[in-house]
Amino acid sequence: MAAFINATHFAVVRPVRLFGNAATLQAPKAYKTNRRTVKCMLAVDKIANKSFQLEEDEDAVSTTSAIYLAEDGTLSIGKTDGPVPEKVDATWNYSDTDGELLVEIERYYEEGNTKFSVKRVLRGHLDDSRKNLVDLPVFSGGMYRHPADFSPNSEVGWFNMILATDDLPSDDFDISAQ
C-alpha cells in the first residue's frame, strides 16, 4: 500500500452514533495538531456500494447523514439530523491512484413560496491514521462552495465520512418519513 505524508492533519476524537445502530464509535473531529497525516489508497471497489456516515461542519452547524455510494457514481442521502431537503442530486468520484475523494451534493429546499438549493463540493482523502482510531476507513477533508476552486476563500467547512460496519437499515434512506 502506497502512503503519502501531508503536513495538514487532524487527530482529536469525539463520540458519535451511527444511524440504526446503538453502538457508539470514536470518530475524528477536525482540529489541527503537530502530528502528520498518512494518506493511503484503497481500491474503488472497497468503497462502492457501501453505506457511510457523513459528518459535515459548516460555520456553527454540524450535521450527520446516512449516505450510500453507488457503483455508478451516484450518491444517495438518507436520514439526517440537519434540515430535510425536498430533493438531493449527488455524485462521487474516487481516485485510487492518489486516494482523493470528490463528492458533489446539491440539496433543494422549499420554505413557504421560496425555493432554493445549496451545492457543496467535498474534497478529501482516506486517512489511515484515523482508520487506526476507529478501525474503520475514514475519509476527511474540506467542504467548499460551488463552483469550487479549492482555495481558502471557497472553503466553508470540513467533513468526515466513516464506513458503516454493516449496511445501514433501509429506513435510514427513507427521507420521506422525516
N, C-alpha and C. Protein backbone atom coordinates (compact mmCIF):
# COMPACT_ATOMS: atom_id res chain seq x y z
N MET A 1 0.84 -1.17 0.00
CA MET A 1 0.00 0.00 0.00
C MET A 1 0.89 1.24 0.00
N ALA A 2 0.67 2.12 -0.96
CA ALA A 2 1.45 3.35 -1.03
C ALA A 2 0.95 4.34 0.01
N ALA A 3 1.85 5.15 0.53
CA ALA A 3 1.44 6.15 1.51
C ALA A 3 2.07 7.49 1.17
N PHE A 4 1.37 8.58 1.45
CA PHE A 4 1.87 9.91 1.23
C PHE A 4 1.77 10.68 2.53
N ILE A 5 2.75 11.52 2.79
CA ILE A 5 2.76 12.31 4.00
C ILE A 5 2.24 13.71 3.67
N ASN A 6 1.38 14.24 4.49
CA ASN A 6 0.83 15.56 4.31
C ASN A 6 0.99 16.30 5.63
N ALA A 7 1.43 17.53 5.58
CA ALA A 7 1.68 18.29 6.80
C ALA A 7 0.38 18.70 7.50
N THR A 8 -0.74 18.74 6.80
CA THR A 8 -2.00 19.11 7.41
C THR A 8 -2.70 17.86 7.89
N HIS A 9 -3.21 17.87 9.10
CA HIS A 9 -3.88 16.70 9.62
C HIS A 9 -4.73 17.05 10.82
N PHE A 10 -5.53 16.10 11.24
CA PHE A 10 -6.44 16.28 12.35
C PHE A 10 -6.45 14.99 13.15
N ALA A 11 -6.58 15.07 14.49
CA ALA A 11 -6.49 13.83 15.26
C ALA A 11 -7.24 13.80 16.59
N VAL A 12 -8.19 14.65 16.82
CA VAL A 12 -8.95 14.60 18.06
C VAL A 12 -10.24 13.83 17.79
N VAL A 13 -10.71 13.03 18.75
CA VAL A 13 -11.90 12.22 18.52
C VAL A 13 -13.06 12.67 19.39
N ARG A 14 -14.28 12.36 18.91
CA ARG A 14 -15.48 12.60 19.69
C ARG A 14 -16.44 11.45 19.46
N PRO A 15 -17.31 11.13 20.41
CA PRO A 15 -18.24 10.01 20.21
C PRO A 15 -19.36 10.40 19.26
N VAL A 16 -19.76 9.45 18.42
CA VAL A 16 -20.90 9.64 17.53
C VAL A 16 -21.73 8.37 17.54
N ARG A 17 -22.96 8.47 17.07
CA ARG A 17 -23.83 7.30 16.99
C ARG A 17 -24.17 7.06 15.53
N LEU A 18 -23.94 5.85 15.05
CA LEU A 18 -24.34 5.52 13.69
C LEU A 18 -25.84 5.36 13.65
N PHE A 19 -26.47 5.81 12.55
CA PHE A 19 -27.89 5.63 12.39
C PHE A 19 -28.22 4.15 12.39
N GLY A 20 -29.29 3.77 13.06
CA GLY A 20 -29.75 2.39 13.05
C GLY A 20 -28.89 1.46 13.88
N ASN A 21 -27.96 2.01 14.65
CA ASN A 21 -27.06 1.17 15.42
C ASN A 21 -26.79 1.88 16.73
N ALA A 22 -27.03 1.20 17.83
CA ALA A 22 -26.84 1.84 19.13
C ALA A 22 -25.38 1.86 19.55
N ALA A 23 -24.52 1.20 18.79
CA ALA A 23 -23.10 1.17 19.17
C ALA A 23 -22.49 2.55 19.00
N THR A 24 -21.68 2.95 19.95
CA THR A 24 -21.00 4.24 19.88
C THR A 24 -19.58 4.00 19.41
N LEU A 25 -19.17 4.80 18.44
CA LEU A 25 -17.82 4.71 17.90
C LEU A 25 -17.07 5.98 18.24
N GLN A 26 -15.78 5.98 18.12
CA GLN A 26 -14.99 7.19 18.26
C GLN A 26 -14.69 7.67 16.85
N ALA A 27 -15.14 8.86 16.52
CA ALA A 27 -14.90 9.42 15.19
C ALA A 27 -14.11 10.71 15.33
N PRO A 28 -13.29 11.03 14.33
CA PRO A 28 -12.45 12.20 14.45
C PRO A 28 -13.20 13.51 14.32
N LYS A 29 -12.77 14.47 15.09
CA LYS A 29 -13.24 15.86 14.99
C LYS A 29 -12.05 16.63 14.42
N ALA A 30 -12.29 17.59 13.57
CA ALA A 30 -11.20 18.26 12.87
C ALA A 30 -10.55 19.33 13.73
N TYR A 31 -9.38 19.04 14.22
CA TYR A 31 -8.54 20.01 14.91
C TYR A 31 -7.11 19.78 14.44
N LYS A 32 -6.41 20.85 14.15
CA LYS A 32 -5.03 20.69 13.71
C LYS A 32 -4.15 20.32 14.89
N THR A 33 -3.19 19.45 14.61
CA THR A 33 -2.20 19.05 15.61
C THR A 33 -0.83 19.10 14.97
N ASN A 34 0.18 18.73 15.71
CA ASN A 34 1.54 18.74 15.16
C ASN A 34 1.94 17.40 14.56
N ARG A 35 1.04 16.41 14.60
CA ARG A 35 1.36 15.11 14.02
C ARG A 35 1.06 15.12 12.53
N ARG A 36 1.69 14.21 11.79
CA ARG A 36 1.46 14.14 10.35
C ARG A 36 0.34 13.16 10.02
N THR A 37 -0.38 13.44 8.94
CA THR A 37 -1.42 12.54 8.46
C THR A 37 -0.82 11.67 7.37
N VAL A 38 -1.13 10.40 7.41
CA VAL A 38 -0.70 9.47 6.38
C VAL A 38 -1.89 9.24 5.47
N LYS A 39 -1.74 9.62 4.21
CA LYS A 39 -2.78 9.37 3.24
C LYS A 39 -2.48 8.05 2.55
N CYS A 40 -3.49 7.25 2.34
CA CYS A 40 -3.25 5.97 1.70
C CYS A 40 -4.32 5.70 0.65
N MET A 41 -4.09 4.72 -0.17
CA MET A 41 -5.02 4.38 -1.23
C MET A 41 -5.83 3.15 -0.85
N LEU A 42 -7.02 3.09 -1.41
CA LEU A 42 -7.93 1.97 -1.24
C LEU A 42 -8.55 1.75 -2.59
N ALA A 43 -8.71 0.51 -3.01
CA ALA A 43 -9.32 0.24 -4.31
C ALA A 43 -10.76 0.75 -4.30
N VAL A 44 -11.20 1.31 -5.44
CA VAL A 44 -12.52 1.92 -5.53
C VAL A 44 -13.62 0.90 -5.22
N ASP A 45 -13.40 -0.36 -5.53
CA ASP A 45 -14.43 -1.37 -5.25
C ASP A 45 -14.60 -1.64 -3.76
N LYS A 46 -13.70 -1.14 -2.94
CA LYS A 46 -13.82 -1.29 -1.49
C LYS A 46 -14.74 -0.24 -0.87
N ILE A 47 -15.07 0.81 -1.63
CA ILE A 47 -15.99 1.84 -1.11
C ILE A 47 -17.28 1.94 -1.90
N ALA A 48 -17.29 1.44 -3.14
CA ALA A 48 -18.52 1.48 -3.94
C ALA A 48 -19.53 0.50 -3.37
N ASN A 49 -20.80 0.87 -3.49
CA ASN A 49 -21.90 0.05 -2.97
C ASN A 49 -21.80 -0.16 -1.48
N LYS A 50 -21.38 0.89 -0.77
CA LYS A 50 -21.23 0.83 0.69
C LYS A 50 -21.98 1.99 1.34
N SER A 51 -22.36 1.79 2.59
CA SER A 51 -23.01 2.82 3.40
C SER A 51 -21.98 3.53 4.26
N PHE A 52 -22.17 4.83 4.42
CA PHE A 52 -21.26 5.65 5.21
C PHE A 52 -22.07 6.56 6.13
N GLN A 53 -21.41 7.05 7.15
CA GLN A 53 -21.93 8.13 7.97
C GLN A 53 -21.18 9.38 7.55
N LEU A 54 -21.91 10.40 7.09
CA LEU A 54 -21.31 11.65 6.65
C LEU A 54 -21.51 12.71 7.72
N GLU A 55 -20.41 13.26 8.21
CA GLU A 55 -20.46 14.37 9.16
C GLU A 55 -20.00 15.62 8.45
N GLU A 56 -20.83 16.66 8.48
CA GLU A 56 -20.50 17.93 7.84
C GLU A 56 -20.52 19.03 8.89
N ASP A 57 -19.49 19.85 8.91
CA ASP A 57 -19.42 21.00 9.81
C ASP A 57 -19.22 22.25 8.96
N GLU A 58 -20.21 23.15 9.03
CA GLU A 58 -20.14 24.40 8.30
C GLU A 58 -20.57 25.51 9.24
N ASP A 59 -19.71 26.49 9.42
CA ASP A 59 -19.96 27.56 10.38
C ASP A 59 -20.19 26.92 11.75
N ALA A 60 -21.28 27.25 12.42
CA ALA A 60 -21.56 26.70 13.75
C ALA A 60 -22.52 25.52 13.67
N VAL A 61 -22.75 24.98 12.47
CA VAL A 61 -23.73 23.92 12.28
C VAL A 61 -23.02 22.61 11.94
N SER A 62 -23.37 21.56 12.69
CA SER A 62 -22.87 20.21 12.42
C SER A 62 -24.06 19.32 12.09
N THR A 63 -23.93 18.53 11.02
CA THR A 63 -24.99 17.59 10.67
C THR A 63 -24.38 16.22 10.40
N THR A 64 -25.17 15.20 10.64
CA THR A 64 -24.77 13.83 10.37
C THR A 64 -25.86 13.21 9.50
N SER A 65 -25.44 12.53 8.43
CA SER A 65 -26.38 11.92 7.50
C SER A 65 -25.92 10.53 7.13
N ALA A 66 -26.88 9.66 6.85
CA ALA A 66 -26.59 8.35 6.30
C ALA A 66 -26.46 8.53 4.79
N ILE A 67 -25.41 7.96 4.19
CA ILE A 67 -25.25 8.05 2.74
C ILE A 67 -24.87 6.69 2.17
N TYR A 68 -25.08 6.52 0.88
CA TYR A 68 -24.75 5.29 0.18
C TYR A 68 -24.06 5.66 -1.12
N LEU A 69 -22.86 5.14 -1.33
CA LEU A 69 -22.11 5.39 -2.56
C LEU A 69 -22.38 4.27 -3.55
N ALA A 70 -23.15 4.54 -4.59
CA ALA A 70 -23.46 3.53 -5.60
C ALA A 70 -22.29 3.39 -6.58
N GLU A 71 -22.18 2.23 -7.17
CA GLU A 71 -21.08 1.92 -8.08
C GLU A 71 -21.08 2.82 -9.31
N ASP A 72 -22.25 3.33 -9.71
CA ASP A 72 -22.34 4.17 -10.91
C ASP A 72 -21.94 5.63 -10.66
N GLY A 73 -21.47 5.95 -9.46
CA GLY A 73 -21.02 7.31 -9.16
C GLY A 73 -22.08 8.20 -8.56
N THR A 74 -23.28 7.66 -8.35
CA THR A 74 -24.32 8.44 -7.69
C THR A 74 -24.22 8.20 -6.18
N LEU A 75 -24.81 9.12 -5.45
CA LEU A 75 -24.78 9.06 -4.00
C LEU A 75 -26.20 9.30 -3.50
N SER A 76 -26.67 8.42 -2.61
CA SER A 76 -27.99 8.58 -2.01
C SER A 76 -27.82 9.08 -0.59
N ILE A 77 -28.65 10.04 -0.21
CA ILE A 77 -28.61 10.56 1.16
C ILE A 77 -29.87 10.11 1.87
N GLY A 78 -29.68 9.57 3.06
CA GLY A 78 -30.80 9.09 3.85
C GLY A 78 -31.10 10.01 5.00
N LYS A 79 -31.38 9.42 6.15
CA LYS A 79 -31.74 10.21 7.33
C LYS A 79 -30.64 11.17 7.69
N THR A 80 -31.06 12.32 8.20
CA THR A 80 -30.12 13.36 8.60
C THR A 80 -30.64 14.04 9.85
N ASP A 81 -29.73 14.57 10.65
CA ASP A 81 -30.17 15.37 11.79
C ASP A 81 -30.16 16.85 11.44
N GLY A 82 -29.95 17.15 10.16
CA GLY A 82 -29.98 18.53 9.68
C GLY A 82 -31.29 18.82 8.97
N PRO A 83 -31.38 19.96 8.30
CA PRO A 83 -32.59 20.30 7.54
C PRO A 83 -32.87 19.23 6.48
N VAL A 84 -34.12 18.85 6.35
CA VAL A 84 -34.50 17.80 5.39
C VAL A 84 -34.81 18.45 4.04
N PRO A 85 -34.05 18.07 2.99
CA PRO A 85 -34.28 18.66 1.67
C PRO A 85 -35.48 18.03 0.98
N GLU A 86 -36.04 18.76 0.02
CA GLU A 86 -37.12 18.23 -0.82
C GLU A 86 -36.55 17.21 -1.81
N LYS A 87 -35.31 17.48 -2.26
CA LYS A 87 -34.67 16.65 -3.29
C LYS A 87 -33.17 16.79 -3.12
N VAL A 88 -32.42 15.75 -3.55
CA VAL A 88 -30.97 15.78 -3.50
C VAL A 88 -30.41 15.23 -4.80
N ASP A 89 -29.44 15.94 -5.39
CA ASP A 89 -28.65 15.43 -6.51
C ASP A 89 -27.23 15.32 -6.01
N ALA A 90 -26.64 14.14 -6.10
CA ALA A 90 -25.28 13.97 -5.57
C ALA A 90 -24.51 12.94 -6.39
N THR A 91 -23.22 13.22 -6.56
CA THR A 91 -22.31 12.31 -7.25
C THR A 91 -21.03 12.20 -6.46
N TRP A 92 -20.27 11.14 -6.72
CA TRP A 92 -18.97 10.96 -6.08
C TRP A 92 -17.99 10.38 -7.08
N ASN A 93 -16.72 10.65 -6.83
CA ASN A 93 -15.64 10.12 -7.65
C ASN A 93 -14.44 9.89 -6.74
N TYR A 94 -13.82 8.73 -6.87
CA TYR A 94 -12.66 8.39 -6.05
C TYR A 94 -11.52 7.98 -6.96
N SER A 95 -10.35 8.54 -6.72
CA SER A 95 -9.15 8.18 -7.49
C SER A 95 -8.32 7.22 -6.67
N ASP A 96 -8.23 5.97 -7.14
CA ASP A 96 -7.42 5.01 -6.40
C ASP A 96 -5.93 5.15 -6.74
N THR A 97 -5.57 6.17 -7.54
CA THR A 97 -4.15 6.43 -7.77
C THR A 97 -3.58 7.42 -6.77
N ASP A 98 -4.41 8.40 -6.33
CA ASP A 98 -3.91 9.34 -5.32
C ASP A 98 -4.78 9.38 -4.05
N GLY A 99 -5.83 8.56 -4.01
CA GLY A 99 -6.66 8.46 -2.81
C GLY A 99 -7.59 9.63 -2.59
N GLU A 100 -7.82 10.47 -3.62
CA GLU A 100 -8.68 11.64 -3.44
C GLU A 100 -10.14 11.28 -3.71
N LEU A 101 -11.01 11.75 -2.82
CA LEU A 101 -12.45 11.58 -2.95
C LEU A 101 -13.07 12.94 -3.23
N LEU A 102 -13.89 13.03 -4.27
CA LEU A 102 -14.65 14.24 -4.59
C LEU A 102 -16.13 13.89 -4.54
N VAL A 103 -16.88 14.66 -3.79
CA VAL A 103 -18.32 14.47 -3.66
C VAL A 103 -18.99 15.80 -3.95
N GLU A 104 -20.00 15.80 -4.83
CA GLU A 104 -20.80 16.99 -5.08
C GLU A 104 -22.22 16.70 -4.63
N ILE A 105 -22.74 17.56 -3.75
CA ILE A 105 -24.09 17.39 -3.22
C ILE A 105 -24.86 18.69 -3.41
N GLU A 106 -26.00 18.60 -4.09
CA GLU A 106 -26.89 19.75 -4.19
C GLU A 106 -28.20 19.37 -3.52
N ARG A 107 -28.56 20.15 -2.50
CA ARG A 107 -29.79 19.92 -1.76
C ARG A 107 -30.79 21.02 -2.13
N TYR A 108 -32.02 20.60 -2.41
CA TYR A 108 -33.09 21.53 -2.80
C TYR A 108 -34.08 21.67 -1.64
N TYR A 109 -34.42 22.92 -1.32
CA TYR A 109 -35.31 23.20 -0.20
C TYR A 109 -36.46 24.07 -0.66
N GLU A 110 -37.54 24.04 0.12
CA GLU A 110 -38.67 24.93 -0.11
C GLU A 110 -39.16 25.41 1.24
N GLU A 111 -39.17 26.73 1.40
CA GLU A 111 -39.69 27.35 2.62
C GLU A 111 -40.77 28.34 2.20
N GLY A 112 -42.02 28.01 2.51
CA GLY A 112 -43.13 28.85 2.06
C GLY A 112 -43.19 28.83 0.55
N ASN A 113 -43.12 30.01 -0.06
CA ASN A 113 -43.13 30.11 -1.52
C ASN A 113 -41.73 30.23 -2.10
N THR A 114 -40.72 30.11 -1.26
CA THR A 114 -39.34 30.29 -1.70
C THR A 114 -38.67 28.94 -1.91
N LYS A 115 -38.14 28.73 -3.11
CA LYS A 115 -37.38 27.53 -3.42
C LYS A 115 -35.93 27.93 -3.61
N PHE A 116 -35.02 27.12 -3.07
CA PHE A 116 -33.59 27.40 -3.24
C PHE A 116 -32.81 26.10 -3.13
N SER A 117 -31.56 26.15 -3.54
CA SER A 117 -30.69 24.97 -3.41
C SER A 117 -29.34 25.41 -2.85
N VAL A 118 -28.67 24.46 -2.24
CA VAL A 118 -27.33 24.67 -1.70
C VAL A 118 -26.45 23.55 -2.27
N LYS A 119 -25.37 23.95 -2.94
CA LYS A 119 -24.46 22.97 -3.54
C LYS A 119 -23.11 23.07 -2.87
N ARG A 120 -22.60 21.92 -2.44
CA ARG A 120 -21.29 21.84 -1.81
C ARG A 120 -20.45 20.78 -2.50
N VAL A 121 -19.15 21.03 -2.51
CA VAL A 121 -18.17 20.08 -3.02
C VAL A 121 -17.30 19.65 -1.85
N LEU A 122 -17.22 18.36 -1.63
CA LEU A 122 -16.39 17.81 -0.55
C LEU A 122 -15.17 17.18 -1.19
N ARG A 123 -14.00 17.56 -0.71
CA ARG A 123 -12.74 17.05 -1.26
C ARG A 123 -11.88 16.56 -0.11
N GLY A 124 -11.55 15.28 -0.14
CA GLY A 124 -10.75 14.73 0.94
C GLY A 124 -10.01 13.47 0.53
N HIS A 125 -9.39 12.87 1.52
CA HIS A 125 -8.59 11.66 1.31
C HIS A 125 -8.91 10.64 2.38
N LEU A 126 -8.64 9.38 2.05
CA LEU A 126 -8.68 8.32 3.04
C LEU A 126 -7.52 8.57 3.98
N ASP A 127 -7.80 8.57 5.26
CA ASP A 127 -6.78 8.89 6.25
C ASP A 127 -6.53 7.67 7.10
N ASP A 128 -5.43 6.98 6.85
CA ASP A 128 -5.12 5.73 7.55
C ASP A 128 -4.85 5.95 9.03
N SER A 129 -4.38 7.13 9.42
CA SER A 129 -4.13 7.37 10.84
C SER A 129 -5.45 7.40 11.61
N ARG A 130 -6.52 7.87 11.00
CA ARG A 130 -7.83 7.86 11.64
C ARG A 130 -8.43 6.47 11.61
N LYS A 131 -8.17 5.71 10.56
CA LYS A 131 -8.69 4.35 10.49
C LYS A 131 -8.22 3.58 11.72
N ASN A 132 -7.01 3.83 12.15
CA ASN A 132 -6.50 3.11 13.30
C ASN A 132 -7.22 3.52 14.58
N LEU A 133 -7.78 4.73 14.64
CA LEU A 133 -8.52 5.16 15.82
C LEU A 133 -9.87 4.48 15.93
N VAL A 134 -10.57 4.32 14.81
CA VAL A 134 -11.92 3.77 14.85
C VAL A 134 -12.01 2.39 14.22
N ASP A 135 -10.93 1.91 13.66
CA ASP A 135 -10.86 0.61 12.99
C ASP A 135 -11.81 0.51 11.81
N LEU A 136 -12.18 1.64 11.23
CA LEU A 136 -12.98 1.69 10.02
C LEU A 136 -12.38 2.76 9.10
N PRO A 137 -12.46 2.56 7.79
CA PRO A 137 -11.95 3.59 6.88
C PRO A 137 -12.66 4.93 7.10
N VAL A 138 -11.88 6.00 7.15
CA VAL A 138 -12.41 7.35 7.34
C VAL A 138 -11.85 8.25 6.26
N PHE A 139 -12.74 8.95 5.57
CA PHE A 139 -12.33 10.00 4.64
C PHE A 139 -12.55 11.31 5.36
N SER A 140 -11.65 12.27 5.15
CA SER A 140 -11.83 13.58 5.75
C SER A 140 -11.21 14.63 4.84
N GLY A 141 -11.75 15.84 4.96
CA GLY A 141 -11.22 16.92 4.14
C GLY A 141 -12.07 18.16 4.24
N GLY A 142 -11.94 19.03 3.24
CA GLY A 142 -12.62 20.31 3.23
C GLY A 142 -13.94 20.27 2.50
N MET A 143 -14.81 21.22 2.86
CA MET A 143 -16.09 21.39 2.20
C MET A 143 -16.07 22.78 1.57
N TYR A 144 -16.46 22.86 0.28
CA TYR A 144 -16.31 24.09 -0.49
C TYR A 144 -17.63 24.51 -1.12
N ARG A 145 -17.75 25.85 -1.36
CA ARG A 145 -18.86 26.38 -2.15
C ARG A 145 -18.70 25.89 -3.58
N HIS A 146 -19.79 25.85 -4.30
CA HIS A 146 -19.73 25.51 -5.72
C HIS A 146 -19.88 26.80 -6.51
N PRO A 147 -19.11 27.05 -7.54
CA PRO A 147 -18.03 26.22 -8.04
C PRO A 147 -16.79 26.31 -7.15
N ALA A 148 -16.15 25.19 -6.97
CA ALA A 148 -15.02 25.13 -6.05
C ALA A 148 -13.71 25.34 -6.78
N ASP A 149 -12.94 26.29 -6.32
CA ASP A 149 -11.58 26.44 -6.82
C ASP A 149 -10.59 25.88 -5.80
N PHE A 150 -11.12 25.34 -4.69
CA PHE A 150 -10.36 24.71 -3.62
C PHE A 150 -9.38 25.67 -2.96
N SER A 151 -9.72 26.95 -3.00
CA SER A 151 -8.91 27.95 -2.31
C SER A 151 -9.49 28.16 -0.92
N PRO A 152 -8.71 28.76 -0.02
CA PRO A 152 -9.25 29.06 1.31
C PRO A 152 -10.49 29.94 1.25
N ASN A 153 -10.63 30.76 0.20
CA ASN A 153 -11.79 31.63 0.08
C ASN A 153 -13.08 30.87 -0.23
N SER A 154 -12.98 29.70 -0.85
CA SER A 154 -14.19 28.95 -1.17
C SER A 154 -14.49 27.86 -0.13
N GLU A 155 -13.56 27.64 0.81
CA GLU A 155 -13.79 26.62 1.84
C GLU A 155 -14.78 27.15 2.88
N VAL A 156 -15.80 26.33 3.18
CA VAL A 156 -16.82 26.74 4.14
C VAL A 156 -16.88 25.83 5.36
N GLY A 157 -16.11 24.74 5.35
CA GLY A 157 -16.15 23.82 6.47
C GLY A 157 -15.32 22.59 6.21
N TRP A 158 -15.65 21.52 6.93
CA TRP A 158 -14.93 20.26 6.79
C TRP A 158 -15.93 19.11 6.88
N PHE A 159 -15.46 17.92 6.50
CA PHE A 159 -16.32 16.74 6.57
C PHE A 159 -15.51 15.52 6.99
N ASN A 160 -16.21 14.54 7.53
CA ASN A 160 -15.70 13.20 7.78
C ASN A 160 -16.71 12.23 7.21
N MET A 161 -16.23 11.16 6.63
CA MET A 161 -17.10 10.13 6.09
C MET A 161 -16.58 8.79 6.60
N ILE A 162 -17.37 8.11 7.42
CA ILE A 162 -16.93 6.88 8.09
C ILE A 162 -17.71 5.71 7.52
N LEU A 163 -17.00 4.67 7.10
CA LEU A 163 -17.66 3.47 6.57
C LEU A 163 -18.49 2.83 7.67
N ALA A 164 -19.76 2.52 7.35
CA ALA A 164 -20.63 1.82 8.30
C ALA A 164 -20.18 0.36 8.40
N THR A 165 -20.25 -0.21 9.58
CA THR A 165 -19.78 -1.58 9.76
C THR A 165 -20.63 -2.57 8.98
N ASP A 166 -21.90 -2.33 8.87
CA ASP A 166 -22.81 -3.15 8.08
C ASP A 166 -23.64 -2.20 7.24
N ASP A 167 -24.35 -2.75 6.26
CA ASP A 167 -25.26 -1.88 5.51
C ASP A 167 -26.26 -1.29 6.47
N LEU A 168 -26.53 -0.02 6.32
CA LEU A 168 -27.50 0.64 7.17
C LEU A 168 -28.90 0.15 6.84
N PRO A 169 -29.79 0.11 7.81
CA PRO A 169 -31.16 -0.33 7.53
C PRO A 169 -31.81 0.53 6.45
N SER A 170 -32.68 -0.07 5.66
CA SER A 170 -33.29 0.66 4.54
C SER A 170 -34.09 1.87 5.02
N ASP A 171 -34.62 1.84 6.25
CA ASP A 171 -35.38 3.00 6.71
C ASP A 171 -34.49 4.21 6.96
N ASP A 172 -33.18 4.03 7.06
CA ASP A 172 -32.28 5.17 7.17
C ASP A 172 -32.20 5.94 5.86
N PHE A 173 -32.67 5.34 4.77
CA PHE A 173 -32.64 6.01 3.47
C PHE A 173 -34.03 6.45 3.02
N ASP A 174 -35.02 6.32 3.87
CA ASP A 174 -36.36 6.79 3.56
C ASP A 174 -36.53 8.19 4.13
N ILE A 175 -36.12 9.20 3.35
CA ILE A 175 -36.18 10.57 3.87
C ILE A 175 -37.58 11.12 3.83
N SER A 176 -38.52 10.44 3.17
CA SER A 176 -39.90 10.91 3.16
C SER A 176 -40.55 10.76 4.52
N ALA A 177 -40.00 9.89 5.38
CA ALA A 177 -40.59 9.65 6.70
C ALA A 177 -40.12 10.67 7.74
N GLN A 178 -39.27 11.62 7.37
CA GLN A 178 -38.73 12.58 8.34
C GLN A 178 -39.65 13.74 8.59
